Amino acid sequence: MASARDRILDAFEEVLLTEGERAATLDAVASRAGVSKGGLIYHFPSKDLLAHGLCERLTALAAEDAERMRASSEGPARYYIRSSRYLGTPFDRAFVGVARLHQGGVAEAVETIRTIERQWLEILATALHDDDAAHAIKLMGDGLYFQAVYGAGEFAATGGTTPQGDDDLDALLRVVDKIVG
């Protein structure tokens, strides 16, 4: 069973995904987590500390994802595109939650997203030995995540995924193969 702290962060993510940054008040998060406001405040005395906890969660998940990206048998570029669709994974949910905080101007969220994006671009550039190709592939993945950020609430509410089908993904992967050569 998840700890109270993790349940609170899960609830914070959920409110961010389904209702947005402004709706993610301490009261709303406590209610969604099924804890008292005092219980929430014990773990996260402020919304800033909730945001910090979610940014830490995303940073840890991104480090794991970066290792999978580097080790992928199909190569980092194909891995990056394939994993840029919203599938409701813990990484996806944390990323979109932090992206919603970023949209709300939370400075730590802005820096967390920038750091992760630099990491992805560095992995792609190292693997491809071509900064321009790495940047093009990164922008493709950004487009997929852009759709996730603006559609995640709808898809989270229904338990679905983003609307990119396998045909769309296959088409993007063919383009990646052309760029990678």
N, C-alpha and C. Protein backbone atom coordinates (compact mmCIF):
# COMPACT_ATOMS: atom_id res chain seq x y z
N MET A 1 0.84 -1.18 0.00
CA MET A 1 0.00 0.00 0.00
C MET A 1 0.88 1.25 0.00
N ALA A 2 0.46 2.25 -0.74
CA ALA A 2 1.22 3.49 -0.84
C ALA A 2 1.20 4.24 0.50
N SER A 3 2.27 4.95 0.76
CA SER A 3 2.35 5.75 1.98
C SER A 3 1.38 6.93 1.86
N ALA A 4 1.07 7.56 2.99
CA ALA A 4 0.19 8.73 2.99
C ALA A 4 0.80 9.82 2.12
N ARG A 5 2.12 9.98 2.20
CA ARG A 5 2.80 11.01 1.40
C ARG A 5 2.59 10.74 -0.10
N ASP A 6 2.75 9.48 -0.51
CA ASP A 6 2.56 9.14 -1.92
C ASP A 6 1.10 9.30 -2.34
N ARG A 7 0.18 8.94 -1.48
CA ARG A 7 -1.25 9.12 -1.79
C ARG A 7 -1.58 10.60 -1.98
N ILE A 8 -0.96 11.44 -1.16
CA ILE A 8 -1.18 12.88 -1.29
C ILE A 8 -0.61 13.39 -2.61
N LEU A 9 0.59 12.95 -2.95
CA LEU A 9 1.17 13.36 -4.24
C LEU A 9 0.34 12.84 -5.41
N ASP A 10 -0.17 11.60 -5.28
CA ASP A 10 -1.04 11.05 -6.32
C ASP A 10 -2.29 11.92 -6.48
N ALA A 11 -2.86 12.33 -5.36
CA ALA A 11 -4.06 13.17 -5.39
C ALA A 11 -3.75 14.53 -6.00
N PHE A 12 -2.60 15.09 -5.67
CA PHE A 12 -2.18 16.38 -6.23
C PHE A 12 -2.05 16.25 -7.75
N GLU A 13 -1.40 15.19 -8.21
CA GLU A 13 -1.31 14.94 -9.67
C GLU A 13 -2.69 14.87 -10.29
N GLU A 14 -3.57 14.12 -9.67
CA GLU A 14 -4.92 13.91 -10.22
C GLU A 14 -5.67 15.23 -10.36
N VAL A 15 -5.61 16.06 -9.32
CA VAL A 15 -6.28 17.35 -9.40
C VAL A 15 -5.65 18.21 -10.49
N LEU A 16 -4.33 18.20 -10.58
CA LEU A 16 -3.66 18.97 -11.63
C LEU A 16 -4.08 18.49 -13.01
N LEU A 17 -4.14 17.18 -13.21
CA LEU A 17 -4.51 16.63 -14.51
C LEU A 17 -5.95 16.90 -14.88
N THR A 18 -6.85 16.75 -13.93
CA THR A 18 -8.27 16.83 -14.27
C THR A 18 -8.87 18.22 -14.12
N GLU A 19 -8.28 19.05 -13.22
CA GLU A 19 -8.89 20.34 -12.96
C GLU A 19 -7.95 21.53 -13.14
N GLY A 20 -6.64 21.28 -13.18
CA GLY A 20 -5.69 22.36 -13.39
C GLY A 20 -5.04 22.87 -12.11
N GLU A 21 -4.06 23.72 -12.31
CA GLU A 21 -3.22 24.21 -11.22
C GLU A 21 -4.01 25.04 -10.21
N ARG A 22 -4.89 25.88 -10.66
CA ARG A 22 -5.66 26.74 -9.73
C ARG A 22 -6.57 25.94 -8.81
N ALA A 23 -7.08 24.82 -9.31
CA ALA A 23 -7.99 24.00 -8.51
C ALA A 23 -7.25 23.13 -7.49
N ALA A 24 -5.94 23.05 -7.62
CA ALA A 24 -5.15 22.16 -6.76
C ALA A 24 -4.85 22.84 -5.42
N THR A 25 -5.89 23.16 -4.69
CA THR A 25 -5.74 23.76 -3.36
C THR A 25 -5.43 22.66 -2.34
N LEU A 26 -4.96 23.06 -1.19
CA LEU A 26 -4.69 22.08 -0.13
C LEU A 26 -5.97 21.34 0.23
N ASP A 27 -7.08 22.05 0.31
CA ASP A 27 -8.36 21.40 0.64
C ASP A 27 -8.74 20.37 -0.41
N ALA A 28 -8.61 20.73 -1.69
CA ALA A 28 -8.98 19.81 -2.77
C ALA A 28 -8.09 18.58 -2.77
N VAL A 29 -6.80 18.78 -2.53
CA VAL A 29 -5.86 17.65 -2.52
C VAL A 29 -6.14 16.74 -1.32
N ALA A 30 -6.38 17.33 -0.16
CA ALA A 30 -6.68 16.52 1.04
C ALA A 30 -7.94 15.70 0.80
N SER A 31 -8.95 16.33 0.24
CA SER A 31 -10.20 15.62 -0.04
C SER A 31 -9.97 14.47 -1.01
N ARG A 32 -9.24 14.73 -2.09
CA ARG A 32 -8.98 13.70 -3.10
C ARG A 32 -8.14 12.56 -2.53
N ALA A 33 -7.21 12.90 -1.62
CA ALA A 33 -6.34 11.88 -1.01
C ALA A 33 -7.03 11.11 0.10
N GLY A 34 -8.16 11.61 0.56
CA GLY A 34 -8.86 10.94 1.65
C GLY A 34 -8.17 11.13 2.99
N VAL A 35 -7.53 12.29 3.15
CA VAL A 35 -6.87 12.60 4.42
C VAL A 35 -7.42 13.93 4.93
N SER A 36 -7.23 14.18 6.21
CA SER A 36 -7.62 15.48 6.75
C SER A 36 -6.64 16.53 6.26
N LYS A 37 -7.08 17.78 6.31
CA LYS A 37 -6.16 18.86 5.93
C LYS A 37 -4.94 18.85 6.84
N GLY A 38 -5.15 18.55 8.12
CA GLY A 38 -4.01 18.44 9.04
C GLY A 38 -3.05 17.34 8.64
N GLY A 39 -3.60 16.22 8.17
CA GLY A 39 -2.75 15.12 7.69
C GLY A 39 -1.94 15.52 6.48
N LEU A 40 -2.56 16.28 5.60
CA LEU A 40 -1.83 16.77 4.43
C LEU A 40 -0.73 17.73 4.87
N ILE A 41 -1.09 18.66 5.75
CA ILE A 41 -0.13 19.68 6.18
C ILE A 41 1.04 19.06 6.94
N TYR A 42 0.81 17.93 7.60
CA TYR A 42 1.91 17.24 8.28
C TYR A 42 3.00 16.87 7.26
N HIS A 43 2.59 16.40 6.08
CA HIS A 43 3.55 15.99 5.05
C HIS A 43 3.96 17.15 4.15
N PHE A 44 3.02 18.04 3.84
CA PHE A 44 3.26 19.15 2.91
C PHE A 44 2.60 20.40 3.48
N PRO A 45 3.34 21.19 4.27
CA PRO A 45 2.75 22.36 4.93
C PRO A 45 2.26 23.47 3.99
N SER A 46 2.60 23.40 2.70
CA SER A 46 2.17 24.43 1.76
C SER A 46 2.04 23.84 0.37
N LYS A 47 1.37 24.58 -0.49
CA LYS A 47 1.25 24.15 -1.89
C LYS A 47 2.63 24.15 -2.56
N ASP A 48 3.50 25.09 -2.16
CA ASP A 48 4.86 25.11 -2.71
C ASP A 48 5.60 23.81 -2.39
N LEU A 49 5.39 23.28 -1.20
CA LEU A 49 6.06 22.04 -0.83
C LEU A 49 5.42 20.83 -1.53
N LEU A 50 4.13 20.91 -1.82
CA LEU A 50 3.50 19.88 -2.66
C LEU A 50 4.14 19.90 -4.05
N ALA A 51 4.28 21.09 -4.61
CA ALA A 51 4.90 21.23 -5.93
C ALA A 51 6.33 20.70 -5.89
N HIS A 52 7.06 21.00 -4.83
CA HIS A 52 8.42 20.50 -4.68
C HIS A 52 8.44 18.98 -4.65
N GLY A 53 7.51 18.38 -3.91
CA GLY A 53 7.43 16.92 -3.85
C GLY A 53 7.14 16.31 -5.19
N LEU A 54 6.25 16.93 -5.96
CA LEU A 54 5.94 16.41 -7.28
C LEU A 54 7.12 16.58 -8.24
N CYS A 55 7.83 17.70 -8.13
CA CYS A 55 9.03 17.90 -8.96
C CYS A 55 10.11 16.88 -8.62
N GLU A 56 10.27 16.57 -7.34
CA GLU A 56 11.23 15.53 -6.94
C GLU A 56 10.82 14.17 -7.51
N ARG A 57 9.53 13.86 -7.44
CA ARG A 57 9.03 12.60 -7.98
C ARG A 57 9.34 12.52 -9.49
N LEU A 58 9.04 13.60 -10.20
CA LEU A 58 9.29 13.61 -11.64
C LEU A 58 10.77 13.48 -11.93
N THR A 59 11.62 14.15 -11.19
CA THR A 59 13.06 14.07 -11.41
C THR A 59 13.56 12.64 -11.26
N ALA A 60 13.08 11.93 -10.24
CA ALA A 60 13.48 10.53 -10.03
C ALA A 60 12.98 9.65 -11.18
N LEU A 61 11.72 9.84 -11.57
CA LEU A 61 11.16 9.04 -12.68
C LEU A 61 11.88 9.36 -13.99
N ALA A 62 12.26 10.61 -14.19
CA ALA A 62 12.96 10.99 -15.42
C ALA A 62 14.36 10.37 -15.47
N ALA A 63 15.01 10.25 -14.34
CA ALA A 63 16.33 9.60 -14.31
C ALA A 63 16.21 8.13 -14.71
N GLU A 64 15.17 7.46 -14.21
CA GLU A 64 14.94 6.06 -14.61
C GLU A 64 14.63 5.97 -16.10
N ASP A 65 13.81 6.89 -16.60
CA ASP A 65 13.46 6.91 -18.01
C ASP A 65 14.70 7.17 -18.87
N ALA A 66 15.57 8.05 -18.43
CA ALA A 66 16.79 8.35 -19.19
C ALA A 66 17.67 7.10 -19.32
N GLU A 67 17.74 6.32 -18.27
CA GLU A 67 18.52 5.08 -18.35
C GLU A 67 17.89 4.10 -19.33
N ARG A 68 16.57 3.99 -19.31
CA ARG A 68 15.89 3.12 -20.29
C ARG A 68 16.11 3.64 -21.71
N MET A 69 16.10 4.94 -21.87
CA MET A 69 16.32 5.55 -23.18
C MET A 69 17.72 5.21 -23.70
N ARG A 70 18.72 5.37 -22.85
CA ARG A 70 20.10 5.07 -23.25
C ARG A 70 20.28 3.59 -23.60
N ALA A 71 19.59 2.72 -22.88
CA ALA A 71 19.78 1.27 -23.03
C ALA A 71 18.83 0.63 -24.04
N SER A 72 17.94 1.40 -24.61
CA SER A 72 16.92 0.83 -25.50
C SER A 72 17.53 0.11 -26.69
N SER A 73 17.06 -1.10 -26.94
CA SER A 73 17.58 -1.89 -28.06
C SER A 73 17.22 -1.27 -29.41
N GLU A 74 16.14 -0.48 -29.46
CA GLU A 74 15.76 0.16 -30.72
C GLU A 74 16.41 1.52 -30.89
N GLY A 75 17.19 1.95 -29.92
CA GLY A 75 17.88 3.22 -29.98
C GLY A 75 17.11 4.32 -29.26
N PRO A 76 17.85 5.31 -28.76
CA PRO A 76 17.22 6.39 -28.01
C PRO A 76 16.18 7.20 -28.79
N ALA A 77 16.40 7.39 -30.09
CA ALA A 77 15.46 8.21 -30.87
C ALA A 77 14.09 7.54 -30.97
N ARG A 78 14.09 6.29 -31.35
CA ARG A 78 12.81 5.57 -31.44
C ARG A 78 12.18 5.43 -30.06
N TYR A 79 12.98 5.15 -29.04
CA TYR A 79 12.46 5.06 -27.68
C TYR A 79 11.79 6.38 -27.29
N TYR A 80 12.47 7.48 -27.58
CA TYR A 80 11.95 8.78 -27.18
C TYR A 80 10.59 9.05 -27.83
N ILE A 81 10.47 8.78 -29.11
CA ILE A 81 9.19 9.01 -29.79
C ILE A 81 8.13 8.05 -29.25
N ARG A 82 8.47 6.80 -29.11
CA ARG A 82 7.51 5.81 -28.63
C ARG A 82 7.02 6.17 -27.21
N SER A 83 7.91 6.69 -26.40
CA SER A 83 7.54 6.97 -25.00
C SER A 83 6.98 8.39 -24.82
N SER A 84 6.86 9.14 -25.89
CA SER A 84 6.33 10.50 -25.79
C SER A 84 4.81 10.57 -25.88
N ARG A 85 4.17 9.44 -26.03
CA ARG A 85 2.71 9.41 -26.00
C ARG A 85 2.24 9.29 -24.55
N TYR A 86 1.13 9.89 -24.26
CA TYR A 86 0.57 9.79 -22.91
C TYR A 86 -0.13 8.44 -22.78
N LEU A 87 0.37 7.61 -21.86
CA LEU A 87 -0.22 6.30 -21.63
C LEU A 87 -0.68 6.13 -20.18
N GLY A 88 -0.60 7.21 -19.42
CA GLY A 88 -1.06 7.15 -18.04
C GLY A 88 -0.08 6.51 -17.08
N THR A 89 1.18 6.37 -17.49
CA THR A 89 2.20 5.79 -16.60
C THR A 89 2.50 6.77 -15.47
N PRO A 90 3.14 6.30 -14.40
CA PRO A 90 3.52 7.23 -13.34
C PRO A 90 4.37 8.39 -13.87
N PHE A 91 5.28 8.10 -14.81
CA PHE A 91 6.08 9.18 -15.40
C PHE A 91 5.19 10.17 -16.14
N ASP A 92 4.27 9.66 -16.97
CA ASP A 92 3.37 10.53 -17.73
C ASP A 92 2.58 11.44 -16.80
N ARG A 93 2.01 10.84 -15.77
CA ARG A 93 1.16 11.61 -14.86
C ARG A 93 1.98 12.68 -14.14
N ALA A 94 3.17 12.32 -13.68
CA ALA A 94 4.02 13.30 -12.99
C ALA A 94 4.47 14.39 -13.95
N PHE A 95 4.82 14.01 -15.19
CA PHE A 95 5.27 15.00 -16.17
C PHE A 95 4.16 16.00 -16.47
N VAL A 96 2.98 15.51 -16.73
CA VAL A 96 1.87 16.42 -17.06
C VAL A 96 1.49 17.25 -15.84
N GLY A 97 1.53 16.66 -14.65
CA GLY A 97 1.26 17.44 -13.44
C GLY A 97 2.24 18.58 -13.28
N VAL A 98 3.53 18.29 -13.46
CA VAL A 98 4.54 19.35 -13.34
C VAL A 98 4.39 20.35 -14.49
N ALA A 99 4.01 19.87 -15.66
CA ALA A 99 3.77 20.79 -16.78
C ALA A 99 2.63 21.75 -16.46
N ARG A 100 1.61 21.27 -15.77
CA ARG A 100 0.50 22.15 -15.36
C ARG A 100 1.00 23.19 -14.36
N LEU A 101 1.89 22.78 -13.45
CA LEU A 101 2.49 23.74 -12.52
C LEU A 101 3.34 24.76 -13.28
N HIS A 102 4.06 24.27 -14.29
CA HIS A 102 4.87 25.13 -15.15
C HIS A 102 3.98 26.19 -15.80
N GLN A 103 2.83 25.76 -16.32
CA GLN A 103 1.89 26.70 -16.94
C GLN A 103 1.40 27.73 -15.93
N GLY A 104 1.34 27.35 -14.68
CA GLY A 104 0.91 28.26 -13.62
C GLY A 104 2.03 29.16 -13.12
N GLY A 105 3.23 29.03 -13.69
CA GLY A 105 4.34 29.89 -13.33
C GLY A 105 5.13 29.45 -12.12
N VAL A 106 5.01 28.20 -11.71
CA VAL A 106 5.78 27.70 -10.56
C VAL A 106 7.24 27.53 -10.99
N ALA A 107 8.12 28.34 -10.41
CA ALA A 107 9.52 28.40 -10.86
C ALA A 107 10.22 27.04 -10.80
N GLU A 108 10.01 26.29 -9.74
CA GLU A 108 10.67 24.98 -9.64
C GLU A 108 10.19 24.04 -10.74
N ALA A 109 8.93 24.12 -11.11
CA ALA A 109 8.40 23.29 -12.19
C ALA A 109 9.04 23.68 -13.52
N VAL A 110 9.20 24.97 -13.75
CA VAL A 110 9.85 25.45 -14.97
C VAL A 110 11.25 24.86 -15.07
N GLU A 111 12.01 24.95 -13.99
CA GLU A 111 13.39 24.45 -14.00
C GLU A 111 13.44 22.93 -14.11
N THR A 112 12.52 22.23 -13.47
CA THR A 112 12.48 20.77 -13.55
C THR A 112 12.24 20.33 -14.99
N ILE A 113 11.28 20.92 -15.66
CA ILE A 113 10.99 20.57 -17.05
C ILE A 113 12.20 20.89 -17.93
N ARG A 114 12.79 22.05 -17.75
CA ARG A 114 13.97 22.43 -18.55
C ARG A 114 15.12 21.43 -18.37
N THR A 115 15.35 21.02 -17.14
CA THR A 115 16.43 20.07 -16.86
C THR A 115 16.17 18.74 -17.55
N ILE A 116 14.96 18.25 -17.48
CA ILE A 116 14.61 16.98 -18.12
C ILE A 116 14.73 17.10 -19.63
N GLU A 117 14.26 18.20 -20.19
CA GLU A 117 14.36 18.40 -21.64
C GLU A 117 15.82 18.44 -22.10
N ARG A 118 16.67 19.11 -21.33
CA ARG A 118 18.11 19.14 -21.67
C ARG A 118 18.70 17.74 -21.62
N GLN A 119 18.28 16.95 -20.65
CA GLN A 119 18.78 15.58 -20.52
C GLN A 119 18.38 14.75 -21.74
N TRP A 120 17.11 14.84 -22.15
CA TRP A 120 16.66 14.09 -23.32
C TRP A 120 17.45 14.52 -24.57
N LEU A 121 17.61 15.83 -24.75
CA LEU A 121 18.32 16.32 -25.93
C LEU A 121 19.78 15.86 -25.92
N GLU A 122 20.39 15.86 -24.77
CA GLU A 122 21.78 15.40 -24.65
C GLU A 122 21.90 13.92 -25.01
N ILE A 123 20.98 13.10 -24.55
CA ILE A 123 21.01 11.67 -24.88
C ILE A 123 20.85 11.48 -26.38
N LEU A 124 19.90 12.19 -26.97
CA LEU A 124 19.68 12.08 -28.42
C LEU A 124 20.91 12.55 -29.20
N ALA A 125 21.47 13.68 -28.83
CA ALA A 125 22.63 14.22 -29.55
C ALA A 125 23.83 13.28 -29.43
N THR A 126 24.03 12.72 -28.27
CA THR A 126 25.14 11.78 -28.07
C THR A 126 24.95 10.53 -28.92
N ALA A 127 23.75 10.02 -28.96
CA ALA A 127 23.47 8.80 -29.72
C ALA A 127 23.55 9.03 -31.23
N LEU A 128 23.08 10.19 -31.67
CA LEU A 128 22.98 10.45 -33.12
C LEU A 128 24.21 11.15 -33.69
N HIS A 129 25.03 11.73 -32.84
CA HIS A 129 26.20 12.49 -33.28
C HIS A 129 25.79 13.60 -34.25
N ASP A 130 24.60 14.16 -34.01
CA ASP A 130 24.07 15.19 -34.89
C ASP A 130 23.08 16.03 -34.09
N ASP A 131 23.50 17.24 -33.73
CA ASP A 131 22.66 18.10 -32.89
C ASP A 131 21.35 18.47 -33.58
N ASP A 132 21.41 18.72 -34.90
CA ASP A 132 20.19 19.10 -35.62
C ASP A 132 19.18 17.96 -35.67
N ALA A 133 19.65 16.76 -35.93
CA ALA A 133 18.75 15.59 -35.96
C ALA A 133 18.17 15.35 -34.57
N ALA A 134 19.00 15.49 -33.55
CA ALA A 134 18.53 15.32 -32.17
C ALA A 134 17.44 16.33 -31.85
N HIS A 135 17.65 17.56 -32.27
CA HIS A 135 16.67 18.62 -32.01
C HIS A 135 15.36 18.33 -32.75
N ALA A 136 15.43 17.87 -34.00
CA ALA A 136 14.22 17.56 -34.77
C ALA A 136 13.42 16.44 -34.09
N ILE A 137 14.11 15.42 -33.65
CA ILE A 137 13.43 14.30 -32.98
C ILE A 137 12.84 14.76 -31.65
N LYS A 138 13.59 15.58 -30.93
CA LYS A 138 13.08 16.13 -29.67
C LYS A 138 11.80 16.91 -29.90
N LEU A 139 11.75 17.71 -30.97
CA LEU A 139 10.55 18.49 -31.26
C LEU A 139 9.36 17.59 -31.61
N MET A 140 9.61 16.47 -32.27
CA MET A 140 8.52 15.52 -32.54
C MET A 140 7.93 15.02 -31.22
N GLY A 141 8.80 14.62 -30.32
CA GLY A 141 8.34 14.14 -29.02
C GLY A 141 7.63 15.25 -28.25
N ASP A 142 8.14 16.47 -28.36
CA ASP A 142 7.49 17.60 -27.71
C ASP A 142 6.05 17.76 -28.20
N GLY A 143 5.86 17.56 -29.49
CA GLY A 143 4.51 17.65 -30.05
C GLY A 143 3.59 16.61 -29.46
N LEU A 144 4.08 15.41 -29.29
CA LEU A 144 3.27 14.36 -28.67
C LEU A 144 2.93 14.72 -27.23
N TYR A 145 3.94 15.23 -26.50
CA TYR A 145 3.67 15.60 -25.12
C TYR A 145 2.80 16.84 -25.02
N PHE A 146 2.91 17.75 -25.99
CA PHE A 146 2.03 18.91 -26.02
C PHE A 146 0.58 18.45 -26.05
N GLN A 147 0.30 17.46 -26.89
CA GLN A 147 -1.05 16.90 -26.93
C GLN A 147 -1.42 16.30 -25.58
N ALA A 148 -0.46 15.67 -24.93
CA ALA A 148 -0.72 15.06 -23.63
C ALA A 148 -1.07 16.11 -22.58
N VAL A 149 -0.30 17.20 -22.56
CA VAL A 149 -0.52 18.24 -21.57
C VAL A 149 -1.92 18.82 -21.70
N TYR A 150 -2.37 19.00 -22.92
CA TYR A 150 -3.68 19.62 -23.11
C TYR A 150 -4.82 18.62 -23.18
N GLY A 151 -4.52 17.35 -23.25
CA GLY A 151 -5.57 16.36 -23.29
C GLY A 151 -5.57 15.40 -22.12
N ALA A 152 -4.59 15.50 -21.24
CA ALA A 152 -4.44 14.52 -20.17
C ALA A 152 -5.61 14.50 -19.20
N GLY A 153 -6.17 15.65 -18.90
CA GLY A 153 -7.30 15.68 -17.98
C GLY A 153 -8.46 14.87 -18.49
N GLU A 154 -8.77 15.04 -19.76
CA GLU A 154 -9.85 14.28 -20.40
C GLU A 154 -9.56 12.79 -20.38
N PHE A 155 -8.33 12.45 -20.72
CA PHE A 155 -7.96 11.05 -20.80
C PHE A 155 -7.79 10.43 -19.42
N ALA A 156 -7.31 11.21 -18.45
CA ALA A 156 -7.18 10.71 -17.08
C ALA A 156 -8.57 10.41 -16.51
N ALA A 157 -9.52 11.27 -16.82
CA ALA A 157 -10.87 11.09 -16.29
C ALA A 157 -11.53 9.82 -16.83
N THR A 158 -11.18 9.44 -18.05
CA THR A 158 -11.79 8.25 -18.66
C THR A 158 -10.91 7.02 -18.55
N GLY A 159 -9.68 7.18 -18.05
CA GLY A 159 -8.76 6.05 -17.95
C GLY A 159 -8.18 5.67 -19.29
N GLY A 160 -8.32 6.53 -20.29
CA GLY A 160 -7.83 6.24 -21.63
C GLY A 160 -6.43 6.75 -21.87
N THR A 161 -6.07 6.81 -23.10
CA THR A 161 -4.77 7.32 -23.52
C THR A 161 -4.99 8.41 -24.54
N THR A 162 -3.92 9.05 -24.94
CA THR A 162 -4.05 10.09 -25.95
C THR A 162 -4.47 9.47 -27.27
N PRO A 163 -5.00 10.29 -28.17
CA PRO A 163 -5.60 9.74 -29.37
C PRO A 163 -4.63 9.30 -30.46
N GLN A 164 -3.33 9.43 -30.26
CA GLN A 164 -2.42 8.98 -31.30
C GLN A 164 -2.53 7.47 -31.43
N GLY A 165 -2.92 7.03 -32.60
CA GLY A 165 -3.04 5.60 -32.83
C GLY A 165 -1.72 5.00 -33.27
N ASP A 166 -1.73 3.68 -33.44
CA ASP A 166 -0.51 2.99 -33.86
C ASP A 166 -0.07 3.44 -35.25
N ASP A 167 -1.02 3.76 -36.14
CA ASP A 167 -0.64 4.23 -37.48
C ASP A 167 0.11 5.54 -37.40
N ASP A 168 -0.35 6.46 -36.55
CA ASP A 168 0.34 7.73 -36.37
C ASP A 168 1.74 7.51 -35.81
N LEU A 169 1.85 6.63 -34.83
CA LEU A 169 3.15 6.34 -34.23
C LEU A 169 4.08 5.70 -35.25
N ASP A 170 3.58 4.75 -36.01
CA ASP A 170 4.41 4.10 -37.03
C ASP A 170 4.90 5.12 -38.06
N ALA A 171 4.05 6.06 -38.44
CA ALA A 171 4.45 7.09 -39.40
C ALA A 171 5.58 7.95 -38.81
N LEU A 172 5.45 8.35 -37.55
CA LEU A 172 6.51 9.13 -36.91
C LEU A 172 7.80 8.34 -36.80
N LEU A 173 7.69 7.06 -36.48
CA LEU A 173 8.90 6.23 -36.36
C LEU A 173 9.59 6.07 -37.72
N ARG A 174 8.81 6.03 -38.79
CA ARG A 174 9.43 5.97 -40.13
C ARG A 174 10.22 7.25 -40.41
N VAL A 175 9.68 8.38 -40.00
CA VAL A 175 10.39 9.65 -40.15
C VAL A 175 11.67 9.66 -39.30
N VAL A 176 11.56 9.16 -38.08
CA VAL A 176 12.75 9.06 -37.22
C VAL A 176 13.81 8.20 -37.89
N ASP A 177 13.41 7.09 -38.47
CA ASP A 177 14.37 6.20 -39.14
C ASP A 177 15.05 6.92 -40.29
N LYS A 178 14.32 7.76 -41.02
CA LYS A 178 14.92 8.54 -42.11
C LYS A 178 15.93 9.55 -41.57
N ILE A 179 15.57 10.20 -40.48
CA ILE A 179 16.48 11.20 -39.89
C ILE A 179 17.74 10.52 -39.36
N VAL A 180 17.55 9.40 -38.68
CA VAL A 180 18.68 8.69 -38.07
C VAL A 180 19.55 8.06 -39.14
N GLY A 181 18.91 7.66 -40.23
CA GLY A 181 19.67 7.09 -41.35
C GLY A 181 19.90 5.63 -41.15
